[in-house]
Amino acid sequence: MVGRHGFVATTNDPSTPEENCVAERANRSISEAARTMLYESGLPTVFWAEAVATCVYVKNRSPHSALGGKVPFREWTGKPAHVHHLRVFGC
């Protein structure tokens, strides 16, 4: 799958996160969004994994500037990204 989509697999030293700053920034953005979702919903931190999964789910179905405004889910699967089923987190 990696070659089919034009990705190149590389390895980095786990003790030097600055070698992979793009992934580190993405992880930080997702963590911050999940923390905000938990805070705003009033849910306890036991729902951390669900907040992270929801954040990634929504992010993959939202237009992205790095893709020229295209939706990652559609670019990856070729299928439309339906969002009519989404609700406010924690409801």
N, C-alpha and C. Protein backbone atom coordinates (compact mmCIF):
# COMPACT_ATOMS: atom_id res chain seq x y z
N MET A 1 0.82 -1.18 0.00
CA MET A 1 0.00 0.00 0.00
C MET A 1 0.87 1.26 0.00
N VAL A 2 1.99 1.22 0.68
CA VAL A 2 2.84 2.40 0.75
C VAL A 2 3.31 2.82 -0.63
N GLY A 3 3.83 1.89 -1.41
CA GLY A 3 4.31 2.19 -2.75
C GLY A 3 3.20 2.60 -3.69
N ARG A 4 2.05 1.99 -3.55
CA ARG A 4 0.92 2.27 -4.43
C ARG A 4 0.46 3.73 -4.32
N HIS A 5 0.58 4.31 -3.14
CA HIS A 5 0.13 5.68 -2.92
C HIS A 5 1.27 6.69 -3.00
N GLY A 6 2.46 6.23 -3.36
CA GLY A 6 3.58 7.14 -3.56
C GLY A 6 4.32 7.54 -2.30
N PHE A 7 4.10 6.83 -1.20
CA PHE A 7 4.82 7.13 0.04
C PHE A 7 6.15 6.39 0.05
N VAL A 8 7.09 6.93 0.77
CA VAL A 8 8.37 6.27 0.97
C VAL A 8 8.53 6.03 2.47
N ALA A 9 8.71 4.78 2.86
CA ALA A 9 8.88 4.45 4.27
C ALA A 9 10.32 4.76 4.70
N THR A 10 10.45 5.47 5.81
CA THR A 10 11.76 5.77 6.36
C THR A 10 11.73 5.49 7.85
N THR A 11 12.90 5.39 8.45
CA THR A 11 12.98 5.20 9.90
C THR A 11 13.73 6.39 10.50
N ASN A 12 13.39 6.69 11.74
CA ASN A 12 14.03 7.77 12.48
C ASN A 12 14.42 7.27 13.85
N ASP A 13 15.38 7.93 14.44
CA ASP A 13 15.79 7.64 15.80
C ASP A 13 14.68 8.12 16.74
N PRO A 14 14.08 7.22 17.54
CA PRO A 14 12.97 7.63 18.41
C PRO A 14 13.34 8.67 19.46
N SER A 15 14.64 8.83 19.74
CA SER A 15 15.05 9.80 20.75
C SER A 15 15.25 11.20 20.16
N THR A 16 15.01 11.36 18.86
CA THR A 16 15.16 12.67 18.22
C THR A 16 13.90 13.02 17.43
N PRO A 17 12.84 13.48 18.11
CA PRO A 17 11.59 13.80 17.43
C PRO A 17 11.71 14.92 16.40
N GLU A 18 12.75 15.75 16.53
CA GLU A 18 12.91 16.84 15.56
C GLU A 18 13.21 16.33 14.15
N GLU A 19 13.61 15.05 14.03
CA GLU A 19 13.84 14.46 12.71
C GLU A 19 12.53 14.24 11.96
N ASN A 20 11.43 14.21 12.68
CA ASN A 20 10.14 13.94 12.06
C ASN A 20 9.14 15.01 12.49
N CYS A 21 9.48 16.26 12.21
CA CYS A 21 8.69 17.38 12.73
C CYS A 21 7.27 17.43 12.17
N VAL A 22 7.05 16.95 10.96
CA VAL A 22 5.70 16.98 10.38
C VAL A 22 4.77 16.08 11.18
N ALA A 23 5.22 14.86 11.47
CA ALA A 23 4.41 13.93 12.25
C ALA A 23 4.24 14.42 13.68
N GLU A 24 5.29 14.98 14.25
CA GLU A 24 5.20 15.50 15.62
C GLU A 24 4.19 16.63 15.70
N ARG A 25 4.16 17.50 14.72
CA ARG A 25 3.20 18.61 14.71
C ARG A 25 1.78 18.09 14.55
N ALA A 26 1.61 17.09 13.69
CA ALA A 26 0.27 16.50 13.52
C ALA A 26 -0.20 15.88 14.82
N ASN A 27 0.69 15.16 15.50
CA ASN A 27 0.32 14.55 16.79
C ASN A 27 -0.04 15.62 17.82
N ARG A 28 0.71 16.71 17.82
CA ARG A 28 0.41 17.79 18.77
C ARG A 28 -0.95 18.41 18.47
N SER A 29 -1.24 18.66 17.21
CA SER A 29 -2.53 19.25 16.83
C SER A 29 -3.69 18.35 17.22
N ILE A 30 -3.53 17.06 16.99
CA ILE A 30 -4.58 16.10 17.35
C ILE A 30 -4.76 16.04 18.86
N SER A 31 -3.65 16.03 19.60
CA SER A 31 -3.74 16.01 21.07
C SER A 31 -4.42 17.25 21.61
N GLU A 32 -4.07 18.41 21.05
CA GLU A 32 -4.70 19.66 21.51
C GLU A 32 -6.19 19.67 21.20
N ALA A 33 -6.56 19.19 20.02
CA ALA A 33 -7.98 19.14 19.65
C ALA A 33 -8.74 18.18 20.56
N ALA A 34 -8.15 17.02 20.84
CA ALA A 34 -8.80 16.04 21.71
C ALA A 34 -8.97 16.59 23.12
N ARG A 35 -7.95 17.29 23.61
CA ARG A 35 -8.03 17.89 24.94
C ARG A 35 -9.15 18.92 24.99
N THR A 36 -9.27 19.73 23.95
CA THR A 36 -10.32 20.74 23.88
C THR A 36 -11.69 20.09 23.82
N MET A 37 -11.82 19.02 23.02
CA MET A 37 -13.09 18.32 22.91
C MET A 37 -13.52 17.75 24.26
N LEU A 38 -12.58 17.16 24.99
CA LEU A 38 -12.91 16.62 26.32
C LEU A 38 -13.32 17.73 27.27
N TYR A 39 -12.57 18.83 27.26
CA TYR A 39 -12.88 19.94 28.16
C TYR A 39 -14.26 20.52 27.87
N GLU A 40 -14.53 20.81 26.60
CA GLU A 40 -15.80 21.42 26.22
C GLU A 40 -16.99 20.50 26.44
N SER A 41 -16.77 19.19 26.34
CA SER A 41 -17.87 18.24 26.53
C SER A 41 -18.12 17.94 28.00
N GLY A 42 -17.11 18.21 28.84
CA GLY A 42 -17.24 17.90 30.26
C GLY A 42 -17.01 16.43 30.58
N LEU A 43 -16.53 15.68 29.60
CA LEU A 43 -16.28 14.25 29.82
C LEU A 43 -14.95 14.05 30.54
N PRO A 44 -14.81 12.98 31.32
CA PRO A 44 -13.55 12.69 32.00
C PRO A 44 -12.49 12.18 31.02
N THR A 45 -11.25 12.17 31.47
CA THR A 45 -10.14 11.77 30.60
C THR A 45 -10.18 10.29 30.21
N VAL A 46 -11.04 9.51 30.82
CA VAL A 46 -11.17 8.11 30.42
C VAL A 46 -11.65 8.02 28.97
N PHE A 47 -12.21 9.10 28.44
CA PHE A 47 -12.67 9.15 27.05
C PHE A 47 -11.62 9.72 26.11
N TRP A 48 -10.36 9.77 26.55
CA TRP A 48 -9.27 10.33 25.75
C TRP A 48 -9.15 9.64 24.39
N ALA A 49 -9.12 8.32 24.37
CA ALA A 49 -8.95 7.58 23.11
C ALA A 49 -10.10 7.86 22.15
N GLU A 50 -11.30 7.96 22.67
CA GLU A 50 -12.46 8.26 21.82
C GLU A 50 -12.36 9.68 21.25
N ALA A 51 -11.88 10.62 22.06
CA ALA A 51 -11.71 12.00 21.58
C ALA A 51 -10.66 12.06 20.47
N VAL A 52 -9.56 11.34 20.64
CA VAL A 52 -8.51 11.32 19.62
C VAL A 52 -9.04 10.69 18.34
N ALA A 53 -9.72 9.55 18.46
CA ALA A 53 -10.26 8.87 17.28
C ALA A 53 -11.27 9.76 16.55
N THR A 54 -12.10 10.47 17.31
CA THR A 54 -13.09 11.36 16.70
C THR A 54 -12.40 12.52 15.99
N CYS A 55 -11.38 13.07 16.61
CA CYS A 55 -10.64 14.17 16.00
C CYS A 55 -10.03 13.75 14.67
N VAL A 56 -9.40 12.60 14.63
CA VAL A 56 -8.79 12.10 13.40
C VAL A 56 -9.86 11.82 12.35
N TYR A 57 -10.97 11.25 12.77
CA TYR A 57 -12.08 10.95 11.86
C TYR A 57 -12.57 12.23 11.18
N VAL A 58 -12.80 13.27 11.97
CA VAL A 58 -13.29 14.54 11.43
C VAL A 58 -12.22 15.20 10.56
N LYS A 59 -10.99 15.18 11.02
CA LYS A 59 -9.89 15.80 10.27
C LYS A 59 -9.74 15.16 8.89
N ASN A 60 -9.89 13.85 8.81
CA ASN A 60 -9.76 13.15 7.53
C ASN A 60 -10.93 13.39 6.60
N ARG A 61 -11.99 13.96 7.10
CA ARG A 61 -13.17 14.25 6.29
C ARG A 61 -13.39 15.74 6.09
N SER A 62 -12.37 16.52 6.39
CA SER A 62 -12.41 17.98 6.23
C SER A 62 -11.41 18.41 5.16
N PRO A 63 -11.74 19.44 4.37
CA PRO A 63 -10.80 19.92 3.36
C PRO A 63 -9.47 20.33 4.00
N HIS A 64 -8.38 20.07 3.30
CA HIS A 64 -7.05 20.36 3.83
C HIS A 64 -6.26 21.22 2.85
N SER A 65 -5.63 22.26 3.36
CA SER A 65 -4.90 23.19 2.50
C SER A 65 -3.71 22.52 1.80
N ALA A 66 -3.07 21.56 2.45
CA ALA A 66 -1.93 20.87 1.83
C ALA A 66 -2.35 20.04 0.62
N LEU A 67 -3.63 19.76 0.52
CA LEU A 67 -4.16 19.00 -0.62
C LEU A 67 -4.92 19.91 -1.58
N GLY A 68 -4.69 21.20 -1.46
CA GLY A 68 -5.38 22.14 -2.33
C GLY A 68 -6.87 22.21 -2.06
N GLY A 69 -7.25 22.04 -0.80
CA GLY A 69 -8.66 22.10 -0.42
C GLY A 69 -9.40 20.80 -0.61
N LYS A 70 -8.69 19.75 -0.99
CA LYS A 70 -9.33 18.44 -1.17
C LYS A 70 -9.47 17.74 0.17
N VAL A 71 -10.35 16.74 0.21
CA VAL A 71 -10.63 16.00 1.43
C VAL A 71 -9.76 14.73 1.47
N PRO A 72 -8.96 14.54 2.53
CA PRO A 72 -8.08 13.37 2.60
C PRO A 72 -8.79 12.03 2.41
N PHE A 73 -9.95 11.86 3.04
CA PHE A 73 -10.67 10.59 2.92
C PHE A 73 -10.99 10.28 1.46
N ARG A 74 -11.45 11.27 0.73
CA ARG A 74 -11.80 11.06 -0.68
C ARG A 74 -10.55 10.79 -1.52
N GLU A 75 -9.48 11.50 -1.25
CA GLU A 75 -8.24 11.29 -1.99
C GLU A 75 -7.68 9.89 -1.75
N TRP A 76 -7.82 9.38 -0.54
CA TRP A 76 -7.28 8.07 -0.19
C TRP A 76 -8.15 6.93 -0.71
N THR A 77 -9.47 7.06 -0.57
CA THR A 77 -10.38 5.95 -0.90
C THR A 77 -11.07 6.11 -2.25
N GLY A 78 -11.16 7.34 -2.74
CA GLY A 78 -11.91 7.59 -3.97
C GLY A 78 -13.41 7.68 -3.73
N LYS A 79 -13.83 7.59 -2.47
CA LYS A 79 -15.24 7.66 -2.10
C LYS A 79 -15.54 9.01 -1.46
N PRO A 80 -16.76 9.51 -1.60
CA PRO A 80 -17.10 10.79 -0.96
C PRO A 80 -17.08 10.66 0.56
N ALA A 81 -16.72 11.74 1.21
CA ALA A 81 -16.67 11.76 2.68
C ALA A 81 -17.99 12.31 3.20
N HIS A 82 -18.88 11.43 3.60
CA HIS A 82 -20.17 11.85 4.14
C HIS A 82 -19.98 12.36 5.58
N VAL A 83 -20.61 13.47 5.89
CA VAL A 83 -20.48 14.05 7.23
C VAL A 83 -21.83 14.33 7.87
N HIS A 84 -22.92 13.93 7.22
CA HIS A 84 -24.26 14.22 7.74
C HIS A 84 -24.54 13.54 9.07
N HIS A 85 -23.81 12.50 9.39
CA HIS A 85 -24.03 11.74 10.62
C HIS A 85 -23.26 12.31 11.82
N LEU A 86 -22.39 13.29 11.60
CA LEU A 86 -21.57 13.83 12.68
C LEU A 86 -22.41 14.64 13.66
N ARG A 87 -22.07 14.53 14.93
CA ARG A 87 -22.75 15.27 16.00
C ARG A 87 -21.69 15.92 16.89
N VAL A 88 -22.12 16.78 17.78
CA VAL A 88 -21.22 17.41 18.73
C VAL A 88 -20.64 16.33 19.64
N PHE A 89 -19.32 16.35 19.85
CA PHE A 89 -18.66 15.34 20.67
C PHE A 89 -19.18 15.39 22.10
N GLY A 90 -19.51 14.25 22.64
CA GLY A 90 -19.94 14.14 24.03
C GLY A 90 -21.44 14.12 24.21
N CYS A 91 -22.21 14.27 23.14
CA CYS A 91 -23.67 14.26 23.25
C CYS A 91 -24.20 12.84 23.29
